[in-house]
Amino acid sequence: AAVVAAVTRVSGPVEVGGGPFTRSTPMLPGHALMAGAEIRSGPGGRVALQMGSTSVRMDEKSAITTLAPGRIALARGAIYVDADPTASGSSPLVIETPYGTVEHLGTQFEARLAGEGMRVRVREGRVRLVGGQVSVEGVAGEQVTLLGTGHLQREPVARTGGEWAWVGEIAPPYDIEDKPLPSFLRWVGRETGRAIVFASAACEAEAAEVILRGSEIG
C-alpha cells in the first residue's frame, strides 16, 4: 500500500492502529502511515504528520484516520493544517467530519469538533466548508462554525495568541543548518501567525547574507 503520511514529531501518549498495525502501537517519529491508519492521542499527547508538502498536526484527546493520500477523517478533537501554497508538490487536503468536510485553499487553519458542530479557525488563506446544503468559504482571521442543525456562525478570530499555542508546541523540527536568516524568520512568522517586516531593503539584503549554523529547532 502507498504511504500517505510520515510522522515527524510526537509528544506524549499517541497510539496508532488499523492498516498494517494489527494492534494499537505507541507512535514514534519516522513511522510511515498507510491508508486506514487510526491515530489516537491521549491527554497531553500530540503528533505532527507530513502529507506531501502539507503539515498536519493533531491536538491532545483527538482521533483521526488516514483515508487516502490527501484525505483524513477527524472523529474527535482537533487538527491543524499548514499548507504553504508556495511549496512544491502542494495539493488539496480534504478533512471529513461527522458534520461535513473542510478543504484547504492554500492556508493555515484549525478544524475542531466541539459540542454539536465543527469549528474552523482560519489563520491564513481560505478554506471551503461543505455540509448538508451548506457550502461556504472561510477567510483569514475568521472562525466559521457549522452546527449539526445546518446553521452557520461566523465571527472574527485572532491569528496569534494562546489559542494557537498547542500548534507551536508540536511544530515539526526546523533544520537551520546552512539556512539564510530570512528563511528562518519566515518559518517563525508562519508558526506564530506574524508578518516579518524588515526596516529597509538594505536590512533585508544584509540579513540574506547571514547563514545559520546549528541543530534543528522545534
Protein backbone atom coordinates (compact mmCIF):
# COMPACT_ATOMS: atom_id res chain seq x y z
CA ALA A 1 0.00 0.00 0.00
CA ALA A 2 1.14 3.56 -0.68
CA VAL A 3 2.44 5.68 2.17
CA VAL A 4 0.03 8.59 2.75
CA ALA A 5 1.79 10.31 5.66
CA ALA A 6 5.00 10.30 7.69
CA VAL A 7 5.31 11.03 11.40
CA THR A 8 7.67 13.95 12.04
CA ARG A 9 7.16 14.60 15.74
CA VAL A 10 5.39 13.01 18.71
CA SER A 11 4.79 14.39 22.19
CA GLY A 12 3.04 12.49 24.97
CA PRO A 13 0.77 9.45 24.61
CA VAL A 14 -0.19 8.80 20.97
CA GLU A 15 -1.12 5.39 19.54
CA VAL A 16 -1.69 4.12 16.01
CA GLY A 17 -3.73 1.12 14.89
CA GLY A 18 -5.52 -0.06 11.76
CA GLY A 19 -3.96 -0.55 8.35
CA PRO A 20 -0.82 -2.68 8.72
CA PHE A 21 -0.87 -2.23 12.52
CA THR A 22 -2.56 -5.37 13.88
CA ARG A 23 -2.83 -3.81 17.34
CA SER A 24 -2.51 -0.34 18.86
CA THR A 25 1.14 0.69 18.91
CA PRO A 26 2.84 3.71 20.51
CA MET A 27 3.59 6.16 17.72
CA LEU A 28 7.17 7.16 17.03
CA PRO A 29 8.82 9.74 14.75
CA GLY A 30 9.62 8.12 11.43
CA HIS A 31 6.54 5.91 11.31
CA ALA A 32 5.16 5.63 7.77
CA LEU A 33 1.35 5.63 7.67
CA MET A 34 -0.73 3.84 5.07
CA ALA A 35 -4.39 4.36 4.23
CA GLY A 36 -6.54 3.16 7.11
CA ALA A 37 -4.17 4.10 9.93
CA GLU A 38 -6.12 5.15 13.03
CA ILE A 39 -4.32 7.65 15.27
CA ARG A 40 -5.46 8.44 18.81
CA SER A 41 -3.91 10.92 21.24
CA GLY A 42 -4.44 10.87 24.98
CA PRO A 43 -4.30 13.75 27.48
CA GLY A 44 -1.14 15.73 26.69
CA GLY A 45 -0.49 13.70 23.53
CA ARG A 46 0.12 15.40 20.18
CA VAL A 47 1.60 14.39 16.85
CA ALA A 48 2.80 16.09 13.66
CA LEU A 49 2.44 14.39 10.27
CA GLN A 50 3.77 15.29 6.85
CA MET A 51 1.47 14.64 3.88
CA GLY A 52 3.40 15.72 0.81
CA SER A 53 4.27 19.37 1.38
CA THR A 54 1.45 19.81 3.94
CA SER A 55 2.00 19.71 7.70
CA VAL A 56 -0.88 18.18 9.69
CA ARG A 57 -0.84 18.36 13.49
CA MET A 58 -3.21 16.61 15.89
CA ASP A 59 -4.12 18.03 19.30
CA GLU A 60 -4.49 16.07 22.51
CA LYS A 61 -7.59 13.90 23.05
CA SER A 62 -8.12 13.60 19.30
CA ALA A 63 -8.67 10.79 16.80
CA ILE A 64 -8.12 10.73 13.04
CA THR A 65 -7.93 8.15 10.26
CA THR A 66 -5.74 8.49 7.16
CA LEU A 67 -8.25 7.53 4.48
CA ALA A 68 -6.12 8.08 1.37
CA PRO A 69 -3.48 10.46 0.03
CA GLY A 70 -4.85 13.94 0.70
CA ARG A 71 -7.83 12.72 2.73
CA ILE A 72 -8.27 12.47 6.53
CA ALA A 73 -11.26 11.67 8.74
CA LEU A 74 -11.48 13.62 12.02
CA ALA A 75 -13.55 11.71 14.58
CA ARG A 76 -12.66 13.58 17.76
CA GLY A 77 -10.73 16.64 18.92
CA ALA A 78 -8.80 18.90 16.56
CA ILE A 79 -6.19 19.07 13.83
CA TYR A 80 -4.17 21.95 12.37
CA VAL A 81 -3.23 22.16 8.71
CA ASP A 82 -0.33 24.22 7.33
CA ALA A 83 -0.44 24.07 3.54
CA ASP A 84 2.03 26.59 2.15
CA PRO A 85 0.75 27.49 -1.35
CA THR A 86 4.31 28.32 -2.46
CA ALA A 87 5.66 24.87 -1.57
CA SER A 88 6.37 22.47 -4.41
CA GLY A 89 4.03 19.50 -4.59
CA SER A 90 1.27 21.27 -2.66
CA SER A 91 -2.05 19.50 -3.22
CA PRO A 92 -5.56 19.78 -1.76
CA LEU A 93 -6.24 18.15 1.59
CA VAL A 94 -9.80 17.18 2.47
CA ILE A 95 -10.88 16.59 6.08
CA GLU A 96 -14.03 14.57 6.64
CA THR A 97 -16.03 15.06 9.86
CA PRO A 98 -19.47 13.97 11.08
CA TYR A 99 -20.72 17.47 10.23
CA GLY A 100 -19.20 17.95 6.79
CA THR A 101 -15.89 18.37 5.01
CA VAL A 102 -13.15 21.01 5.06
CA GLU A 103 -10.83 21.66 2.12
CA HIS A 104 -7.84 23.97 2.24
CA LEU A 105 -7.29 26.55 -0.49
CA GLY A 106 -3.66 27.34 0.35
CA THR A 107 -3.89 28.11 4.03
CA GLN A 108 -3.32 27.53 7.72
CA PHE A 109 -6.33 26.54 9.80
CA GLU A 110 -7.57 24.57 12.79
CA ALA A 111 -10.58 22.25 12.50
CA ARG A 112 -12.12 21.19 15.81
CA LEU A 113 -15.16 19.11 16.75
CA ALA A 114 -16.83 20.94 19.61
CA GLY A 115 -20.26 20.31 21.08
CA GLU A 116 -22.77 19.67 18.31
CA GLY A 117 -20.75 21.03 15.44
CA MET A 118 -17.47 21.70 13.68
CA ARG A 119 -15.45 24.88 14.27
CA VAL A 120 -12.85 26.06 11.77
CA ARG A 121 -10.42 28.88 12.61
CA VAL A 122 -8.59 30.27 9.58
CA ARG A 123 -5.16 31.72 10.28
CA GLU A 124 -4.06 32.31 6.69
CA GLY A 125 -5.59 31.92 3.24
CA ARG A 126 -9.02 30.37 2.73
CA VAL A 127 -10.91 27.13 3.40
CA ARG A 128 -14.08 25.63 1.97
CA LEU A 129 -16.67 24.02 4.27
CA VAL A 130 -19.34 21.72 2.87
CA GLY A 131 -22.07 20.16 4.99
CA GLY A 132 -25.59 19.20 4.01
CA GLN A 133 -26.98 22.06 1.93
CA VAL A 134 -24.24 24.44 3.08
CA SER A 135 -21.12 25.28 1.06
CA VAL A 136 -19.15 28.32 2.22
CA GLU A 137 -15.63 29.71 2.33
CA GLY A 138 -13.85 30.98 5.43
CA VAL A 139 -11.06 33.55 5.17
CA ALA A 140 -8.04 34.51 7.26
CA GLY A 141 -8.97 35.98 10.64
CA GLU A 142 -12.36 34.29 10.65
CA GLN A 143 -13.93 31.49 12.69
CA VAL A 144 -16.69 29.53 10.98
CA THR A 145 -18.86 27.10 12.96
CA LEU A 146 -21.06 24.58 11.17
CA LEU A 147 -23.67 23.10 13.50
CA GLY A 148 -25.31 19.72 13.17
CA THR A 149 -28.60 21.54 12.57
CA GLY A 150 -27.14 23.04 9.40
CA HIS A 151 -26.85 26.53 10.87
CA LEU A 152 -23.70 28.54 10.20
CA GLN A 153 -21.98 31.02 12.51
CA ARG A 154 -19.16 33.45 11.64
CA GLU A 155 -17.04 35.59 13.92
CA PRO A 156 -13.57 37.16 13.93
CA VAL A 157 -10.62 35.31 15.45
CA ALA A 158 -7.07 36.45 16.26
CA ARG A 159 -4.22 34.91 14.26
CA THR A 160 -1.89 34.93 17.28
CA GLY A 161 -2.35 34.22 20.96
CA GLY A 162 -2.84 31.41 23.42
CA GLU A 163 -5.49 29.58 21.41
CA TRP A 164 -2.80 28.73 18.85
CA ALA A 165 -0.17 27.72 21.45
CA TRP A 166 -0.65 23.96 21.03
CA VAL A 167 0.18 24.26 17.32
CA GLY A 168 3.66 25.61 18.06
CA GLU A 169 4.28 23.00 20.74
CA ILE A 170 4.07 20.19 18.20
CA ALA A 171 5.62 22.02 15.20
CA PRO A 172 7.89 19.78 13.08
CA PRO A 173 11.61 20.42 13.70
CA TYR A 174 13.25 23.07 11.51
CA ASP A 175 16.80 22.36 10.38
CA ILE A 176 18.67 25.69 10.46
CA GLU A 177 22.00 24.34 9.19
CA ASP A 178 23.18 26.39 6.17
CA LYS A 179 19.88 28.27 6.00
CA PRO A 180 19.84 32.04 5.34
CA LEU A 181 18.41 34.11 8.17
CA PRO A 182 15.32 35.31 6.19
CA SER A 183 14.32 31.68 5.60
CA PHE A 184 14.34 31.03 9.34
CA LEU A 185 12.41 34.22 10.03
CA ARG A 186 9.73 33.25 7.50
CA TRP A 187 9.37 29.92 9.31
CA VAL A 188 8.99 31.72 12.65
CA GLY A 189 6.40 34.02 11.10
CA ARG A 190 4.29 31.14 9.79
CA GLU A 191 4.49 29.29 13.09
CA THR A 192 3.43 32.32 15.15
CA GLY A 193 0.98 33.95 12.75
CA ARG A 194 3.07 37.10 12.49
CA ALA A 195 4.29 39.01 9.45
CA ILE A 196 8.05 39.50 9.14
CA VAL A 197 8.87 43.05 8.02
CA PHE A 198 12.39 44.43 7.53
CA ALA A 199 13.12 48.06 8.40
CA SER A 200 14.54 48.63 4.92
CA ALA A 201 15.62 46.87 1.75
CA ALA A 202 19.21 47.26 2.91
CA CYS A 203 18.44 45.43 6.16
CA GLU A 204 16.76 42.61 4.24
CA ALA A 205 19.76 42.29 1.91
CA GLU A 206 22.12 42.22 4.88
CA ALA A 207 20.04 39.53 6.59
CA ALA A 208 20.16 37.39 3.46
CA GLU A 209 23.94 37.21 3.81
CA VAL A 210 23.69 35.69 7.30
CA ILE A 211 23.96 31.89 7.09
CA LEU A 212 22.86 29.96 10.16
CA ARG A 213 24.65 27.02 11.77
CA GLY A 214 23.44 24.62 14.40
CA SER A 215 20.92 21.91 15.16
CA GLU A 216 17.27 21.75 14.26
CA ILE A 217 14.68 23.78 16.16
CA GLY A 218 11.22 22.62 17.10
